[in-house]
Amino acid sequence: MSNKINLKKGFDIPIEGRADLSYYDSCTQNYFAIKPTDFLGVIPKMIVKENDLVKIGTPIFFDKNKPEVVFSAPVSGKVVSINRGPKRVIEEVVICSDHKEEYETFECEDVRDRDCIVKTLLSSGLWPLIRQKPYSIIPDPNDIPKSIFISSFDSAPLAPYYNFILKDHEDDFQNGIDILSRLTKGKLYLNIDANSDQHNIFNNISSVVKSVFSGPHPSGNVGVQIHHVQPINKGDKVWYINPQDVVTISRLFRSGKVNYFKTIALTGSDVVSPKYIKTKIGSSVKELLENKLKSNNSRVISGNILTGKNVTINGFLGFYDSQITVLPEGDSYRFF
């Protein structure tokens, strides 16, 4: 029986621009970027250089502190620029897609063996999809977590509806759950929205401990959920992962290829007819929002208005984000 938890403290911010449960037509996307600044504590060391050709899954940089943790290309094409900020810190590695969809291949001889799973996730660049509480850092591959958490919903303003995004991927989600369960000696926790309808795909998922959450934001925040289900004590290491990334991991072990496809919600009051769009991790914001904005003076946020980053129209989708929020900049003032 599911554990039911009702949060009374919190607040749902009323804001216009929630995405309709429909999709935009696919658009041409040429530029993608992996941003080392998306990963807390990671010091990037480049593997590729400008003008190098890469395939989907080709390692492009690794973490200086954990050399086994690599970050791979989301598309095949050419590395067109490595953008640096103050003190020459690498901020973006930009790749121009050749639209050929050429893949690196990765094999796991035994998906029941934890070491084989970890090795495949590391070599493919998908290990960073998993994060650790506290601090939301990329976990040490040598650690075994106390448990793994997945929040099947997000209560942040205008957040995407994962039951809609994953409605045709229930088998892949279940397969991903089975793979992740071998990374811990503890349990896998799947947290469900109490307000979701009876056809919620997450109701049918097995091999997990389910908890049902109700109440205002931050009821969908995985850190809050962990606090109520299994509080973290000193020395505990708890991992968590986004529902879409569970499917990405599943596809890796089924096909041997890295599939960085992602569905995101284009939201906000400055978006014409907000909807969902299918893209890839690190896609160009400018290309995603082309002909979809009401004005030329908007604030573009990768993520939600509370925790997202202002990336500007020339920026790129954050590695962990499933939402772009566009609002009026608010720099016009009324006299008195």
Protein backbone atom coordinates (compact mmCIF):
# COMPACT_ATOMS: atom_id res chain seq x y z
CA MET A 1 0.00 0.00 0.00
CA SER A 2 1.31 3.46 -0.89
CA ASN A 3 2.44 5.81 1.83
CA LYS A 4 0.32 8.99 1.74
CA ILE A 5 1.93 12.28 2.72
CA ASN A 6 0.12 15.62 2.78
CA LEU A 7 2.20 18.80 2.84
CA LYS A 8 0.42 21.79 4.35
CA LYS A 9 3.22 24.34 4.14
CA GLY A 10 4.11 25.82 0.80
CA PHE A 11 2.59 27.91 -1.97
CA ASP A 12 1.59 27.48 -5.60
CA ILE A 13 2.52 30.64 -7.49
CA PRO A 14 -0.29 31.65 -9.88
CA ILE A 15 1.34 32.41 -13.21
CA GLU A 16 0.14 32.31 -16.81
CA GLY A 17 1.62 30.22 -19.57
CA ARG A 18 1.24 26.52 -18.70
CA ALA A 19 1.94 24.25 -21.66
CA ASP A 20 -1.05 22.58 -23.32
CA LEU A 21 -0.88 18.79 -23.52
CA SER A 22 0.10 18.87 -27.19
CA TYR A 23 3.27 19.17 -29.26
CA TYR A 24 4.79 21.76 -31.53
CA ASP A 25 5.85 20.55 -34.94
CA SER A 26 9.49 19.53 -35.00
CA CYS A 27 11.90 22.34 -35.87
CA THR A 28 15.36 22.36 -37.37
CA GLN A 29 17.97 22.33 -34.60
CA ASN A 30 21.59 22.83 -35.55
CA TYR A 31 23.44 23.86 -32.41
CA PHE A 32 23.77 22.08 -29.09
CA ALA A 33 25.98 22.64 -26.06
CA ILE A 34 27.12 20.81 -22.97
CA LYS A 35 27.80 23.28 -20.17
CA PRO A 36 30.24 22.24 -17.40
CA THR A 37 28.65 24.93 -15.22
CA ASP A 38 25.54 22.71 -14.98
CA PHE A 39 27.50 20.22 -12.85
CA LEU A 40 28.28 21.24 -9.29
CA GLY A 41 31.92 20.70 -8.35
CA VAL A 42 33.03 19.46 -11.77
CA ILE A 43 36.36 20.76 -13.11
CA PRO A 44 36.31 19.97 -16.85
CA LYS A 45 39.33 18.66 -18.72
CA MET A 46 38.81 18.67 -22.47
CA ILE A 47 39.14 15.52 -24.55
CA VAL A 48 38.22 17.13 -27.87
CA LYS A 49 39.22 20.47 -29.37
CA GLU A 50 37.60 22.91 -31.76
CA ASN A 51 36.86 21.54 -35.26
CA ASP A 52 36.98 17.93 -34.05
CA LEU A 53 34.27 15.63 -35.40
CA VAL A 54 32.19 13.74 -32.86
CA LYS A 55 29.47 11.12 -32.81
CA ILE A 56 26.54 10.82 -30.41
CA GLY A 57 28.12 9.50 -27.22
CA THR A 58 31.69 10.60 -28.00
CA PRO A 59 33.38 11.80 -24.77
CA ILE A 60 34.06 15.54 -24.95
CA PHE A 61 35.43 16.24 -21.46
CA PHE A 62 35.90 14.55 -18.08
CA ASP A 63 35.95 15.63 -14.45
CA LYS A 64 39.47 16.40 -13.23
CA ASN A 65 38.60 15.11 -9.74
CA LYS A 66 36.93 11.93 -11.05
CA PRO A 67 38.53 11.09 -14.43
CA GLU A 68 36.22 8.11 -14.91
CA VAL A 69 33.21 10.46 -15.09
CA VAL A 70 32.97 11.65 -18.70
CA PHE A 71 30.47 13.86 -20.50
CA SER A 72 29.50 12.93 -24.04
CA ALA A 73 28.19 14.65 -27.17
CA PRO A 74 24.38 14.77 -27.58
CA VAL A 75 24.62 14.95 -31.40
CA SER A 76 27.01 14.01 -34.17
CA GLY A 77 28.81 16.84 -35.92
CA LYS A 78 31.64 19.31 -35.39
CA VAL A 79 32.83 21.03 -32.21
CA VAL A 80 32.52 24.64 -33.36
CA SER A 81 33.51 26.49 -30.19
CA ILE A 82 34.69 26.04 -26.62
CA ASN A 83 33.47 29.16 -24.84
CA ARG A 84 35.31 30.35 -21.76
CA GLY A 85 34.38 32.83 -19.06
CA PRO A 86 36.36 34.68 -16.37
CA LYS A 87 39.68 33.02 -15.46
CA ARG A 88 39.28 30.94 -18.65
CA VAL A 89 36.70 28.70 -17.03
CA ILE A 90 35.01 26.53 -19.69
CA GLU A 91 31.34 27.52 -19.86
CA GLU A 92 30.11 25.86 -23.04
CA VAL A 93 31.19 23.26 -25.55
CA VAL A 94 29.12 23.99 -28.67
CA ILE A 95 28.53 21.35 -31.35
CA CYS A 96 27.02 21.94 -34.78
CA SER A 97 24.93 18.94 -35.80
CA ASP A 98 25.54 17.26 -39.14
CA HIS A 99 22.07 15.61 -38.87
CA LYS A 100 23.61 12.22 -39.70
CA GLU A 101 22.81 10.70 -36.28
CA GLU A 102 26.03 8.68 -36.09
CA TYR A 103 26.43 6.83 -32.79
CA GLU A 104 29.17 5.44 -30.60
CA THR A 105 28.18 1.98 -29.36
CA PHE A 106 28.38 0.64 -25.82
CA GLU A 107 27.77 -2.86 -24.59
CA CYS A 108 27.00 -4.34 -21.19
CA GLU A 109 27.60 -8.07 -21.07
CA ASP A 110 25.37 -8.62 -18.05
CA VAL A 111 22.69 -6.10 -17.03
CA ARG A 112 22.30 -7.97 -13.75
CA ASP A 113 25.87 -7.14 -12.75
CA ARG A 114 26.29 -3.83 -10.94
CA ASP A 115 29.90 -3.29 -12.01
CA CYS A 116 28.97 -3.81 -15.67
CA ILE A 117 26.09 -1.31 -15.40
CA VAL A 118 28.30 1.31 -13.75
CA LYS A 119 31.05 0.82 -16.34
CA THR A 120 28.59 1.26 -19.22
CA LEU A 121 27.01 4.37 -17.70
CA LEU A 122 30.46 5.90 -17.17
CA SER A 123 31.82 5.16 -20.66
CA SER A 124 28.66 6.40 -22.38
CA GLY A 125 28.54 9.68 -20.48
CA LEU A 126 25.15 8.94 -18.88
CA TRP A 127 26.48 8.62 -15.33
CA PRO A 128 25.94 12.39 -14.71
CA LEU A 129 22.18 11.84 -15.11
CA ILE A 130 22.28 10.48 -11.57
CA ARG A 131 22.75 12.96 -8.72
CA GLN A 132 23.36 12.64 -5.02
CA LYS A 133 21.75 14.26 -2.01
CA PRO A 134 22.87 16.26 -0.21
CA TYR A 135 24.21 19.02 -2.53
CA SER A 136 22.94 17.57 -5.86
CA ILE A 137 26.42 16.50 -6.95
CA ILE A 138 27.36 13.74 -9.38
CA PRO A 139 27.92 10.65 -7.19
CA ASP A 140 31.14 8.73 -6.83
CA PRO A 141 30.83 5.53 -8.92
CA ASN A 142 32.51 3.58 -6.13
CA ASP A 143 29.78 4.48 -3.63
CA ILE A 144 26.68 2.40 -3.00
CA PRO A 145 23.73 4.62 -2.07
CA LYS A 146 21.37 4.05 0.80
CA SER A 147 18.49 4.37 -1.66
CA ILE A 148 17.46 5.94 -4.97
CA PHE A 149 14.54 8.35 -5.37
CA ILE A 150 12.47 9.33 -8.41
CA SER A 151 9.83 12.05 -8.28
CA SER A 152 7.24 11.38 -10.99
CA PHE A 153 5.93 14.93 -10.82
CA ASP A 154 7.14 18.50 -10.43
CA SER A 155 5.12 21.07 -8.47
CA ALA A 156 7.20 24.11 -9.52
CA PRO A 157 5.44 26.90 -11.47
CA LEU A 158 4.41 25.77 -14.99
CA ALA A 159 6.38 22.54 -14.58
CA PRO A 160 6.09 19.79 -17.23
CA TYR A 161 3.63 16.94 -16.78
CA TYR A 162 5.70 13.75 -16.86
CA ASN A 163 2.69 11.46 -17.16
CA PHE A 164 1.99 13.08 -20.55
CA ILE A 165 5.65 13.06 -21.63
CA LEU A 166 6.19 9.38 -20.83
CA LYS A 167 2.74 7.98 -21.67
CA ASP A 168 4.14 5.87 -24.55
CA HIS A 169 7.32 4.83 -22.75
CA GLU A 170 6.05 2.77 -19.82
CA ASP A 171 8.07 -0.32 -20.82
CA ASP A 172 11.29 1.69 -21.10
CA PHE A 173 10.61 3.32 -17.74
CA GLN A 174 10.08 -0.06 -16.07
CA ASN A 175 13.26 -1.41 -17.65
CA GLY A 176 15.17 1.63 -16.38
CA ILE A 177 13.81 1.01 -12.90
CA ASP A 178 15.01 -2.60 -13.01
CA ILE A 179 18.52 -1.45 -14.04
CA LEU A 180 18.75 1.29 -11.41
CA SER A 181 17.61 -1.10 -8.67
CA ARG A 182 20.90 -2.97 -9.09
CA LEU A 183 22.91 0.12 -8.17
CA THR A 184 21.76 0.11 -4.55
CA LYS A 185 21.41 -2.41 -1.76
CA GLY A 186 18.49 -0.36 -0.50
CA LYS A 187 15.17 0.43 -2.13
CA LEU A 188 13.98 2.45 -5.09
CA TYR A 189 11.38 5.04 -4.14
CA LEU A 190 8.88 6.37 -6.68
CA ASN A 191 6.86 9.37 -5.52
CA ILE A 192 3.50 10.07 -7.17
CA ASP A 193 1.21 13.09 -7.29
CA ALA A 194 -2.05 12.55 -5.37
CA ASN A 195 -3.85 14.79 -7.89
CA SER A 196 -2.91 12.70 -10.92
CA ASP A 197 -5.67 10.77 -12.69
CA GLN A 198 -6.26 7.03 -12.39
CA HIS A 199 -4.53 6.42 -15.73
CA ASN A 200 -1.19 7.66 -14.41
CA ILE A 201 1.45 5.39 -15.98
CA PHE A 202 3.47 5.44 -12.77
CA ASN A 203 0.70 3.54 -10.95
CA ASN A 204 1.63 0.38 -12.88
CA ILE A 205 5.37 0.46 -12.20
CA SER A 206 6.70 -2.39 -10.06
CA SER A 207 9.88 -3.06 -8.02
CA VAL A 208 9.58 0.32 -6.27
CA VAL A 209 8.27 1.68 -3.00
CA LYS A 210 5.55 4.21 -3.82
CA SER A 211 4.59 7.28 -1.84
CA VAL A 212 1.71 9.60 -2.73
CA PHE A 213 2.25 13.31 -2.11
CA SER A 214 -0.35 16.05 -1.94
CA GLY A 215 -0.22 19.73 -1.13
CA PRO A 216 1.28 22.89 -2.61
CA HIS A 217 4.80 23.40 -3.95
CA PRO A 218 7.36 22.09 -2.94
CA SER A 219 5.46 18.78 -2.68
CA GLY A 220 7.06 17.71 -5.99
CA ASN A 221 10.62 18.60 -4.93
CA VAL A 222 12.62 15.40 -4.56
CA GLY A 223 14.64 16.79 -1.65
CA VAL A 224 11.45 17.52 0.30
CA GLN A 225 10.15 14.05 -0.55
CA ILE A 226 13.33 12.40 0.71
CA HIS A 227 12.98 14.35 3.97
CA HIS A 228 9.49 12.93 4.54
CA VAL A 229 10.10 9.37 3.33
CA GLN A 230 13.65 8.60 4.43
CA PRO A 231 15.45 11.54 6.08
CA ILE A 232 19.16 11.77 5.35
CA ASN A 233 21.38 11.23 8.38
CA LYS A 234 25.04 12.15 8.72
CA GLY A 235 27.09 10.09 6.30
CA ASP A 236 24.11 8.89 4.25
CA LYS A 237 24.27 9.08 0.47
CA VAL A 238 20.98 9.09 -1.38
CA TRP A 239 20.77 9.25 -5.17
CA TYR A 240 17.98 10.60 -7.34
CA ILE A 241 17.15 10.88 -11.03
CA ASN A 242 14.60 12.56 -13.32
CA PRO A 243 11.88 10.30 -14.83
CA GLN A 244 12.92 11.08 -18.43
CA ASP A 245 16.50 10.14 -17.62
CA VAL A 246 15.33 6.73 -16.40
CA VAL A 247 14.06 6.13 -19.95
CA THR A 248 17.35 7.39 -21.43
CA ILE A 249 19.28 4.85 -19.36
CA SER A 250 16.90 2.08 -20.38
CA ARG A 251 17.42 2.84 -24.08
CA LEU A 252 21.19 2.69 -23.66
CA PHE A 253 21.06 -0.87 -22.37
CA ARG A 254 18.51 -1.98 -24.95
CA SER A 255 20.17 -0.50 -28.03
CA GLY A 256 23.80 0.05 -27.00
CA LYS A 257 23.45 3.67 -28.10
CA VAL A 258 23.14 6.95 -26.22
CA ASN A 259 19.77 8.52 -26.92
CA TYR A 260 19.71 12.11 -25.68
CA PHE A 261 16.18 12.85 -26.91
CA LYS A 262 14.16 14.85 -24.42
CA THR A 263 10.69 16.37 -24.32
CA ILE A 264 10.51 19.82 -22.76
CA ALA A 265 7.72 22.27 -22.01
CA LEU A 266 7.89 25.75 -23.53
CA THR A 267 6.05 27.83 -20.94
CA GLY A 268 5.45 31.38 -19.79
CA SER A 269 3.19 34.31 -20.62
CA ASP A 270 5.49 35.52 -23.41
CA VAL A 271 5.19 32.28 -25.38
CA VAL A 272 2.58 32.09 -28.15
CA SER A 273 0.43 29.02 -27.44
CA PRO A 274 2.71 27.20 -24.93
CA LYS A 275 3.15 23.50 -25.75
CA TYR A 276 5.66 20.66 -25.53
CA ILE A 277 8.46 20.07 -28.01
CA LYS A 278 10.76 17.11 -28.67
CA THR A 279 14.43 17.99 -28.68
CA LYS A 280 17.76 16.90 -27.19
CA ILE A 281 19.78 17.82 -24.14
CA GLY A 282 21.64 21.10 -24.59
CA SER A 283 19.61 22.37 -27.55
CA SER A 284 19.76 25.99 -28.72
CA VAL A 285 17.13 28.16 -27.04
CA LYS A 286 16.98 30.50 -30.03
CA GLU A 287 16.11 27.66 -32.39
CA LEU A 288 13.52 26.22 -30.01
CA LEU A 289 11.75 29.57 -29.57
CA GLU A 290 11.87 30.73 -33.18
CA ASN A 291 8.50 32.31 -34.15
CA LYS A 292 7.05 31.40 -30.74
CA LEU A 293 7.52 34.64 -28.77
CA LYS A 294 5.08 37.49 -28.29
CA SER A 295 7.75 40.19 -27.89
CA ASN A 296 11.45 40.87 -28.45
CA ASN A 297 12.02 41.86 -24.83
CA SER A 298 11.68 38.65 -22.84
CA ARG A 299 13.50 36.96 -20.01
CA VAL A 300 14.39 33.40 -21.02
CA ILE A 301 14.91 30.91 -18.21
CA SER A 302 16.17 27.37 -18.58
CA GLY A 303 14.05 25.64 -15.95
CA ASN A 304 11.36 27.18 -13.76
CA ILE A 305 11.14 30.70 -12.33
CA LEU A 306 12.30 29.61 -8.86
CA THR A 307 15.40 27.53 -9.55
CA GLY A 308 16.10 28.03 -13.28
CA LYS A 309 18.91 30.02 -14.88
CA ASN A 310 18.57 33.12 -17.06
CA VAL A 311 20.19 31.90 -20.28
CA THR A 312 19.08 34.67 -22.70
CA ILE A 313 17.74 33.93 -26.16
CA ASN A 314 21.24 32.95 -27.36
CA GLY A 315 21.75 30.38 -24.62
CA PHE A 316 21.28 26.62 -24.41
CA LEU A 317 18.98 24.28 -22.53
CA GLY A 318 20.43 23.14 -19.19
CA PHE A 319 21.52 19.51 -18.91
CA TYR A 320 18.93 18.68 -16.23
CA ASP A 321 16.11 20.99 -17.38
CA SER A 322 12.82 19.83 -18.90
CA GLN A 323 11.33 23.29 -19.21
CA ILE A 324 11.98 26.71 -20.71
CA THR A 325 10.10 29.65 -19.18
CA VAL A 326 9.73 32.93 -21.05
CA LEU A 327 8.39 36.02 -19.25
CA PRO A 328 8.22 39.76 -20.00
CA GLU A 329 11.49 41.34 -18.90
CA GLY A 330 9.68 43.80 -16.64
CA ASP A 331 11.96 46.76 -17.27
CA SER A 332 9.18 49.16 -18.28
CA TYR A 333 7.83 51.32 -15.48
CA ARG A 334 4.62 53.25 -15.03
CA PHE A 335 4.89 56.86 -13.78
CA PHE A 336 3.81 56.90 -10.11
